[in-house]
């Protein structure tokens, strides 16, 4: 069955516990009818039958109409009853009753998944996986210093809200509607120009509640997210990269824009403590996903926070890497898949991972030409059936396209990626067959 079940189909999904009660209702209705017939008695029943048309065809037609009206009325009555109860349980929610029951019955039985990253890669992953489990934890890097997030960081001394906002929206029950509002950027000539509504709302809630983590919780509640979004740390720190000529460059934006090859990267502050709930989520996880995302400015920054890499290595969970589709100018130009893994292994022991998901298809030719002009290209798959770290190499067509800043951009297709993870993950296999 499709990952994205819609409308009435969800009533039939295994684990909804609807079919058994529907059958019980029909059986009970049959008992009631039988009891009523016994009370009425044979003579009165014969009198009722005498009211039916004498012709056999007309009689059968009338009986068919009566049955259809009865079944239709029963179905409408049950649906309205469920809808009324659902609205009472979750007032203000626009979800269909089938969606509400699907989310509470089936998705809450899904495996506990922790996904680490940042940028648009992590939000893309979450967008697909929320259809397979609501036990999702997104661990988001908070070292961004560009765009609206960077300006808010400088002016108000807050953590950058951009990546967190994207992840919250990706997990929202009604993402499309909310994204149109929260991704809106102010225009005009005031200081608000260029800021997104979602960023300003997060910062405003932070000031109202006294903490960035509290602001995330409040916005998550407002948007009815499936899962939770956690910042990797609440410490305000920056990225510092040593380039190939040994010069150090500070700030994610400057690092990404620098054409020189990055040799190593670290945080500007020493002993950056993780947000406590992150380590708890990793320890309880059944599946840990790392990637996709910018290697040096989205994935590795989470691993630089004290204790996170060690917690992943020690966790009993199944662990899977998601390889990037394209190289990134200023960060990974010319990198093959082996180069990505070799670099990542300097910050976390990749021998603890079970598998790596690799794309097998190319983007549209017109899009590819544009990327090549910007010195970006598809990541070359130079791995065998099993890489040097002992990971299973899982290959599939994962290419998708989204509109980003007004132009088509190559990204993982959320549904394709989620299907591959669910199909190949032991954690999802266990949850699917758990009664």
Protein backbone atom coordinates (compact mmCIF):
# COMPACT_ATOMS: atom_id res chain seq x y z
CA UNK A 1 0.00 0.00 0.00
CA UNK A 2 1.23 3.53 -0.75
CA UNK A 3 3.14 5.35 1.95
CA UNK A 4 0.71 8.25 1.63
CA UNK A 5 -2.70 6.79 2.46
CA UNK A 6 -5.58 9.15 1.89
CA UNK A 7 -9.17 9.52 3.07
CA UNK A 8 -11.24 6.39 3.46
CA UNK A 9 -8.35 4.02 2.66
CA UNK A 10 -6.88 4.71 6.08
CA UNK A 11 -9.84 3.01 7.73
CA UNK A 12 -8.59 -0.23 6.16
CA UNK A 13 -4.95 0.13 7.27
CA UNK A 14 -3.67 -2.67 9.56
CA UNK A 15 -3.54 -1.60 13.18
CA UNK A 16 -6.41 0.92 12.98
CA UNK A 17 -8.64 -1.50 14.99
CA UNK A 18 -11.67 -0.30 13.03
CA UNK A 19 -12.58 -3.36 10.94
CA UNK A 20 -13.03 -5.63 13.97
CA UNK A 21 -15.41 -3.16 15.60
CA UNK A 22 -17.32 -2.62 12.36
CA UNK A 23 -17.85 -6.39 12.09
CA UNK A 24 -18.90 -6.56 15.74
CA UNK A 25 -21.40 -3.75 15.14
CA UNK A 26 -22.91 -5.55 12.14
CA UNK A 27 -23.12 -8.83 14.08
CA UNK A 28 -24.73 -7.05 17.02
CA UNK A 29 -27.19 -5.32 14.69
CA UNK A 30 -28.13 -8.74 13.32
CA UNK A 31 -28.82 -9.97 16.86
CA UNK A 32 -30.98 -6.91 17.53
CA UNK A 33 -32.98 -7.52 14.34
CA UNK A 34 -33.45 -11.16 15.31
CA UNK A 35 -34.63 -10.14 18.77
CA UNK A 36 -37.05 -7.58 17.38
CA UNK A 37 -38.51 -10.16 14.98
CA UNK A 38 -39.10 -12.54 17.88
CA UNK A 39 -40.85 -9.82 19.87
CA UNK A 40 -43.04 -8.76 16.97
CA UNK A 41 -44.08 -12.34 16.29
CA UNK A 42 -44.79 -14.35 13.14
CA UNK A 43 -48.32 -13.10 12.54
CA UNK A 44 -47.40 -9.42 12.58
CA UNK A 45 -44.41 -10.11 10.37
CA UNK A 46 -46.73 -11.76 7.84
CA UNK A 47 -48.88 -8.63 7.90
CA UNK A 48 -45.83 -6.52 7.12
CA UNK A 49 -44.92 -8.84 4.21
CA UNK A 50 -48.45 -8.46 2.80
CA UNK A 51 -47.72 -4.71 2.40
CA UNK A 52 -44.93 -5.48 -0.06
CA UNK A 53 -45.64 -5.44 -3.82
CA UNK A 54 -47.03 -8.70 -5.20
CA UNK A 55 -44.67 -8.81 -8.17
CA UNK A 56 -41.39 -10.60 -7.48
CA UNK A 57 -39.23 -8.05 -9.32
CA UNK A 58 -40.88 -5.06 -7.59
CA UNK A 59 -40.55 -6.75 -4.20
CA UNK A 60 -36.84 -7.42 -4.67
CA UNK A 61 -36.30 -3.85 -5.89
CA UNK A 62 -38.00 -2.44 -2.79
CA UNK A 63 -35.98 -4.71 -0.49
CA UNK A 64 -32.76 -3.61 -2.22
CA UNK A 65 -33.67 0.05 -1.72
CA UNK A 66 -34.49 -0.57 1.96
CA UNK A 67 -31.15 -2.34 2.48
CA UNK A 68 -29.19 0.40 0.74
CA UNK A 69 -30.92 3.14 2.73
CA UNK A 70 -30.33 1.22 5.94
CA UNK A 71 -26.64 0.56 5.25
CA UNK A 72 -26.12 4.16 4.09
CA UNK A 73 -27.83 5.58 7.15
CA UNK A 74 -25.81 3.31 9.44
CA UNK A 75 -22.53 4.35 7.77
CA UNK A 76 -23.39 8.06 7.88
CA UNK A 77 -24.47 7.81 11.51
CA UNK A 78 -21.23 6.08 12.56
CA UNK A 79 -19.10 8.54 10.56
CA UNK A 80 -20.85 11.54 12.11
CA UNK A 81 -20.52 10.00 15.57
CA UNK A 82 -16.77 9.46 15.09
CA UNK A 83 -16.39 12.98 13.69
CA UNK A 84 -18.19 14.48 16.67
CA UNK A 85 -16.04 12.52 19.11
CA UNK A 86 -12.85 13.43 17.21
CA UNK A 87 -13.72 17.13 17.30
CA UNK A 88 -14.43 16.86 21.00
CA UNK A 89 -11.12 15.12 21.66
CA UNK A 90 -9.10 17.46 19.38
CA UNK A 91 -11.03 20.74 19.12
CA UNK A 92 -9.77 23.14 16.50
CA UNK A 93 -8.07 20.44 14.43
CA UNK A 94 -9.07 20.18 10.79
CA UNK A 95 -8.00 16.53 10.44
CA UNK A 96 -10.42 13.96 9.11
CA UNK A 97 -11.46 11.38 11.71
CA UNK A 98 -9.70 8.66 9.69
CA UNK A 99 -6.48 10.73 9.71
CA UNK A 100 -6.76 11.38 13.43
CA UNK A 101 -7.26 7.69 14.23
CA UNK A 102 -4.49 6.71 11.78
CA UNK A 103 -2.09 9.13 13.49
CA UNK A 104 -2.94 8.04 17.01
CA UNK A 105 -3.36 4.30 16.39
CA UNK A 106 -0.83 3.42 13.71
CA UNK A 107 1.84 6.10 13.60
CA UNK A 108 2.31 6.11 17.37
CA UNK A 109 3.16 2.40 17.12
CA UNK A 110 6.01 3.19 14.71
CA UNK A 111 9.67 2.86 15.73
CA UNK A 112 11.49 5.56 17.68
CA UNK A 113 13.57 7.35 15.04
CA UNK A 114 16.24 10.00 15.63
CA UNK A 115 17.38 11.99 12.57
CA UNK A 116 20.34 14.35 12.75
CA UNK A 117 21.21 17.12 10.32
CA UNK A 118 20.23 20.60 9.28
CA UNK A 119 19.35 22.71 6.27
CA UNK A 120 16.79 21.44 3.79
CA UNK A 121 18.16 17.87 3.81
CA UNK A 122 16.81 17.04 7.26
CA UNK A 123 13.40 18.62 6.64
CA UNK A 124 13.11 16.62 3.39
CA UNK A 125 13.79 13.39 5.28
CA UNK A 126 11.25 14.25 7.99
CA UNK A 127 8.58 15.15 5.45
CA UNK A 128 8.54 11.56 4.17
CA UNK A 129 9.12 9.69 7.43
CA UNK A 130 6.24 11.36 9.30
CA UNK A 131 3.92 9.16 7.18
CA UNK A 132 5.54 6.05 8.71
CA UNK A 133 5.88 6.97 12.39
CA UNK A 134 5.06 9.80 14.74
CA UNK A 135 7.87 8.79 17.10
CA UNK A 136 10.30 11.08 15.29
CA UNK A 137 13.01 13.20 16.87
CA UNK A 138 14.85 15.72 14.69
CA UNK A 139 18.18 16.90 16.10
CA UNK A 140 18.99 20.17 14.37
CA UNK A 141 22.26 22.06 14.09
CA UNK A 142 22.10 25.66 15.38
CA UNK A 143 25.29 27.18 13.95
CA UNK A 144 23.74 29.02 10.98
CA UNK A 145 24.80 32.67 10.68
CA UNK A 146 23.40 33.69 7.30
CA UNK A 147 20.20 35.24 5.99
CA UNK A 148 17.32 36.01 8.31
CA UNK A 149 18.65 33.65 11.00
CA UNK A 150 22.05 35.35 10.99
CA UNK A 151 20.54 38.82 11.29
CA UNK A 152 18.32 37.78 14.20
CA UNK A 153 21.30 36.13 15.83
CA UNK A 154 23.38 39.29 15.61
CA UNK A 155 20.63 41.74 16.55
CA UNK A 156 18.86 39.83 19.35
CA UNK A 157 21.56 37.39 20.54
CA UNK A 158 19.38 34.33 19.89
CA UNK A 159 20.00 30.92 18.40
CA UNK A 160 19.37 30.79 14.63
CA UNK A 161 15.76 29.68 14.09
CA UNK A 162 15.78 28.91 10.32
CA UNK A 163 16.64 25.20 10.26
CA UNK A 164 14.46 24.54 13.31
CA UNK A 165 11.54 26.32 11.61
CA UNK A 166 11.93 24.17 8.48
CA UNK A 167 11.90 20.95 10.52
CA UNK A 168 8.84 21.98 12.53
CA UNK A 169 6.99 22.77 9.31
CA UNK A 170 8.07 19.46 7.76
CA UNK A 171 6.52 17.57 10.69
CA UNK A 172 3.35 19.68 10.80
CA UNK A 173 0.08 17.81 10.22
CA UNK A 174 -1.03 20.44 7.69
CA UNK A 175 2.37 21.34 6.26
CA UNK A 176 1.27 22.90 2.97
CA UNK A 177 -1.09 25.39 4.55
CA UNK A 178 1.30 26.33 7.35
CA UNK A 179 4.33 26.61 5.07
CA UNK A 180 2.61 29.25 2.96
CA UNK A 181 2.27 31.37 6.08
CA UNK A 182 5.40 30.66 8.10
CA UNK A 183 7.78 30.75 5.11
CA UNK A 184 6.48 34.19 4.05
CA UNK A 185 9.26 36.77 3.91
CA UNK A 186 8.59 40.42 4.63
CA UNK A 187 9.12 42.94 1.84
CA UNK A 188 9.42 46.71 1.85
CA UNK A 189 12.12 49.03 3.12
CA UNK A 190 11.88 48.41 6.88
CA UNK A 191 14.19 46.35 9.08
CA UNK A 192 11.77 43.43 8.68
CA UNK A 193 12.63 43.03 5.00
CA UNK A 194 13.89 39.51 4.27
CA UNK A 195 12.83 38.02 7.60
CA UNK A 196 10.50 35.01 7.50
CA UNK A 197 7.33 35.07 9.56
CA UNK A 198 8.24 31.72 11.13
CA UNK A 199 11.65 32.98 12.28
CA UNK A 200 10.13 36.07 13.91
CA UNK A 201 7.43 33.98 15.58
CA UNK A 202 9.99 31.56 17.03
CA UNK A 203 12.13 34.40 18.37
CA UNK A 204 9.07 36.15 19.76
CA UNK A 205 7.88 33.00 21.55
CA UNK A 206 11.41 32.49 22.90
CA UNK A 207 11.32 35.93 24.50
CA UNK A 208 7.82 35.24 25.85
CA UNK A 209 8.68 31.82 27.31
CA UNK A 210 12.28 32.47 28.33
CA UNK A 211 13.95 29.74 26.29
CA UNK A 212 14.57 28.55 22.73
CA UNK A 213 13.58 25.00 23.66
CA UNK A 214 10.28 26.26 25.13
CA UNK A 215 9.63 28.23 21.92
CA UNK A 216 10.13 25.07 19.84
CA UNK A 217 7.68 23.16 22.04
CA UNK A 218 5.04 25.90 21.79
CA UNK A 219 5.32 26.21 18.01
CA UNK A 220 5.25 22.42 17.68
CA UNK A 221 2.02 22.38 19.66
CA UNK A 222 0.51 25.14 17.53
CA UNK A 223 1.34 23.28 14.30
CA UNK A 224 0.35 19.85 15.65
CA UNK A 225 3.66 18.23 14.66
CA UNK A 226 4.23 14.48 14.45
CA UNK A 227 7.29 13.98 16.62
CA UNK A 228 9.61 16.51 18.19
CA UNK A 229 12.33 18.92 17.10
CA UNK A 230 15.37 19.40 19.36
CA UNK A 231 18.31 21.79 19.00
CA UNK A 232 21.65 19.97 19.21
CA UNK A 233 22.70 22.50 21.86
CA UNK A 234 21.43 25.66 23.51
CA UNK A 235 24.94 27.14 23.53
CA UNK A 236 25.58 30.05 21.16
CA UNK A 237 28.61 29.03 19.13
CA UNK A 238 30.00 29.36 15.61
CA UNK A 239 31.77 27.04 13.18
CA UNK A 240 35.48 27.52 12.51
CA UNK A 241 37.14 25.75 9.57
CA UNK A 242 40.80 25.31 8.73
CA UNK A 243 41.31 25.61 5.00
CA UNK A 244 43.85 23.78 2.85
CA UNK A 245 46.42 26.60 3.32
CA UNK A 246 45.98 26.27 7.13
CA UNK A 247 44.12 29.57 7.48
CA UNK A 248 41.12 29.48 9.83
CA UNK A 249 37.75 30.91 8.70
CA UNK A 250 34.91 31.57 11.18
CA UNK A 251 31.20 31.45 10.42
CA UNK A 252 29.09 29.02 8.39
CA UNK A 253 28.36 31.54 5.64
CA UNK A 254 32.00 32.48 5.13
CA UNK A 255 33.08 28.83 5.23
CA UNK A 256 30.51 27.81 2.60
CA UNK A 257 31.48 30.72 0.33
CA UNK A 258 35.22 30.08 0.55
CA UNK A 259 36.47 28.21 -2.56
CA UNK A 260 39.41 26.64 -0.73
CA UNK A 261 39.23 23.01 0.38
CA UNK A 262 38.25 22.44 4.02
CA UNK A 263 40.75 20.39 6.02
CA UNK A 264 38.97 20.30 9.38
CA UNK A 265 36.20 22.03 11.25
CA UNK A 266 35.44 22.76 14.92
CA UNK A 267 33.27 24.95 17.14
CA UNK A 268 34.35 28.40 18.30
CA UNK A 269 33.59 27.56 21.94
CA UNK A 270 35.12 24.74 23.95
CA UNK A 271 33.02 22.08 25.70
CA UNK A 272 29.73 22.86 23.98
CA UNK A 273 27.17 20.92 26.02
CA UNK A 274 24.36 19.06 24.23
CA UNK A 275 20.72 19.74 24.92
CA UNK A 276 19.90 17.07 27.49
CA UNK A 277 16.90 15.59 25.72
CA UNK A 278 19.05 14.88 22.65
CA UNK A 279 21.17 12.29 24.47
CA UNK A 280 18.02 10.74 25.98
CA UNK A 281 16.41 10.44 22.54
CA UNK A 282 19.53 8.83 21.05
CA UNK A 283 19.76 6.32 23.91
CA UNK A 284 16.08 5.31 23.44
CA UNK A 285 16.12 5.25 19.64
CA UNK A 286 15.42 2.15 17.60
CA UNK A 287 16.74 3.77 14.41
CA UNK A 288 19.27 6.60 14.01
CA UNK A 289 19.59 8.43 10.67
CA UNK A 290 22.47 10.75 9.77
CA UNK A 291 21.99 12.86 6.65
CA UNK A 292 21.29 14.03 4.08
CA UNK A 293 22.75 17.51 4.45
CA UNK A 294 25.80 19.67 3.87
CA UNK A 295 28.74 17.64 5.13
CA UNK A 296 30.69 20.36 6.95
CA UNK A 297 27.90 22.78 7.88
CA UNK A 298 24.92 20.50 8.65
CA UNK A 299 26.06 16.97 9.56
CA UNK A 300 29.43 17.36 11.25
CA UNK A 301 28.36 20.35 13.45
CA UNK A 302 25.98 18.08 15.37
CA UNK A 303 28.82 15.62 15.95
CA UNK A 304 31.06 18.41 17.30
CA UNK A 305 28.71 18.99 20.23
CA UNK A 306 30.15 17.21 23.25
CA UNK A 307 28.82 13.68 23.75
CA UNK A 308 26.59 13.37 20.69
CA UNK A 309 28.98 11.33 18.51
CA UNK A 310 29.82 9.05 21.46
CA UNK A 311 26.11 8.59 22.25
CA UNK A 312 25.41 7.52 18.66
CA UNK A 313 28.34 5.08 18.67
CA UNK A 314 27.19 3.51 21.95
CA UNK A 315 23.47 3.40 21.14
CA UNK A 316 21.90 -0.01 20.57
CA UNK A 317 19.78 1.38 17.73
CA UNK A 318 20.08 0.45 14.08
CA UNK A 319 22.08 3.21 12.33
CA UNK A 320 21.85 4.32 8.70
CA UNK A 321 23.62 7.06 6.73
CA UNK A 322 21.86 8.87 3.89
CA UNK A 323 24.39 9.98 1.25
CA UNK A 324 24.07 13.35 -0.46
CA UNK A 325 22.93 13.61 -4.08
CA UNK A 326 25.22 16.45 -5.18
CA UNK A 327 28.60 17.87 -4.24
CA UNK A 328 28.55 21.37 -2.78
CA UNK A 329 30.72 24.23 -4.05
CA UNK A 330 32.94 25.59 -1.31
CA UNK A 331 32.52 22.46 0.83
CA UNK A 332 32.76 19.17 -1.04
CA UNK A 333 33.70 20.06 -4.64
CA UNK A 334 35.16 16.97 -6.29
CA UNK A 335 34.26 14.67 -3.38
CA UNK A 336 33.27 11.10 -4.22
CA UNK A 337 31.14 9.01 -1.88
CA UNK A 338 34.30 7.51 -0.37
CA UNK A 339 35.60 11.02 0.30
CA UNK A 340 32.39 11.92 2.13
CA UNK A 341 32.62 8.80 4.29
CA UNK A 342 36.35 9.24 4.95
CA UNK A 343 35.77 12.79 6.15
CA UNK A 344 32.76 11.85 8.27
CA UNK A 345 34.73 9.02 9.87
CA UNK A 346 37.09 11.59 11.39
CA UNK A 347 34.24 12.82 13.58
CA UNK A 348 32.32 9.59 14.27
CA UNK A 349 33.27 5.93 13.95
CA UNK A 350 31.40 4.75 10.88
CA UNK A 351 31.95 1.11 11.82
CA UNK A 352 28.96 1.49 14.17
CA UNK A 353 26.62 2.14 11.21
CA UNK A 354 24.64 -0.66 9.60
CA UNK A 355 24.01 0.80 6.17
CA UNK A 356 24.36 3.72 3.77
CA UNK A 357 21.63 4.76 1.33
CA UNK A 358 22.97 5.83 -2.07
CA UNK A 359 21.18 7.41 -5.03
CA UNK A 360 21.39 5.67 -8.41
CA UNK A 361 19.73 8.14 -10.80
CA UNK A 362 20.65 11.48 -12.36
CA UNK A 363 18.66 14.73 -12.19
CA UNK A 364 16.99 16.23 -15.25
CA UNK A 365 19.57 17.27 -17.87
CA UNK A 366 18.57 20.94 -17.81
CA UNK A 367 18.94 21.05 -14.02
CA UNK A 368 22.23 19.19 -14.18
CA UNK A 369 23.70 21.75 -16.61
CA UNK A 370 22.87 24.53 -14.15
CA UNK A 371 24.59 22.68 -11.32
CA UNK A 372 27.68 21.98 -13.40
CA UNK A 373 27.93 25.69 -14.19
CA UNK A 374 28.06 26.32 -10.43
CA UNK A 375 30.80 23.67 -9.95
CA UNK A 376 28.42 21.11 -8.42
CA UNK A 377 27.91 17.58 -9.73
CA UNK A 378 26.27 14.29 -8.69
CA UNK A 379 28.22 12.50 -5.96
CA UNK A 380 30.12 9.65 -7.60
CA UNK A 381 29.25 6.25 -6.17
CA UNK A 382 32.66 4.57 -5.85
CA UNK A 383 31.61 2.01 -3.23
CA UNK A 384 31.29 -1.73 -3.73
CA UNK A 385 28.44 -3.88 -2.42
CA UNK A 386 29.87 -3.34 1.03
CA UNK A 387 32.10 -0.43 1.97
CA UNK A 388 35.31 -0.50 4.04
CA UNK A 389 33.38 0.29 7.24
CA UNK A 390 31.22 -2.82 6.96
CA UNK A 391 28.04 -0.96 6.03
CA UNK A 392 25.47 -2.44 3.68
CA UNK A 393 25.19 -0.25 0.57
CA UNK A 394 21.51 0.34 -0.27
CA UNK A 395 21.02 1.77 -3.75
CA UNK A 396 17.79 3.32 -5.09
CA UNK A 397 16.40 6.10 -7.25
CA UNK A 398 16.02 8.98 -4.77
CA UNK A 399 16.07 12.09 -6.96
CA UNK A 400 13.38 14.72 -6.52
CA UNK A 401 12.95 18.42 -7.31
CA UNK A 402 11.65 21.26 -5.15
CA UNK A 403 11.26 25.00 -5.56
CA UNK A 404 13.86 26.74 -3.39
CA UNK A 405 14.25 30.51 -3.46
CA UNK A 406 12.29 30.68 -6.68
CA UNK A 407 14.19 28.08 -8.69
CA UNK A 408 14.02 24.30 -9.12
CA UNK A 409 16.54 22.52 -6.90
CA UNK A 410 17.64 18.88 -6.79
CA UNK A 411 16.75 17.26 -3.48
CA UNK A 412 15.89 13.80 -2.20
CA UNK A 413 12.28 12.91 -2.95
CA UNK A 414 10.69 12.57 0.53
CA UNK A 415 8.42 9.65 -0.40
CA UNK A 416 11.11 7.71 -2.27
CA UNK A 417 13.60 8.13 0.58
CA UNK A 418 11.06 7.18 3.25
CA UNK A 419 10.03 4.04 1.32
CA UNK A 420 13.65 2.89 1.06
CA UNK A 421 14.26 3.47 4.78
CA UNK A 422 11.04 1.68 5.79
CA UNK A 423 11.71 -1.23 3.42
CA UNK A 424 15.33 -1.81 4.49
CA UNK A 425 15.11 -0.93 8.17
CA UNK A 426 14.82 -3.68 10.76
CA UNK A 427 13.25 -1.17 13.15
CA UNK A 428 10.32 -0.51 10.81
CA UNK A 429 9.94 -4.20 10.00
CA UNK A 430 9.53 -5.01 13.70
CA UNK A 431 6.95 -2.26 14.22
CA UNK A 432 4.89 -3.27 11.15
CA UNK A 433 4.39 -6.80 12.47
CA UNK A 434 3.79 -5.85 16.09
CA UNK A 435 0.10 -6.43 16.95
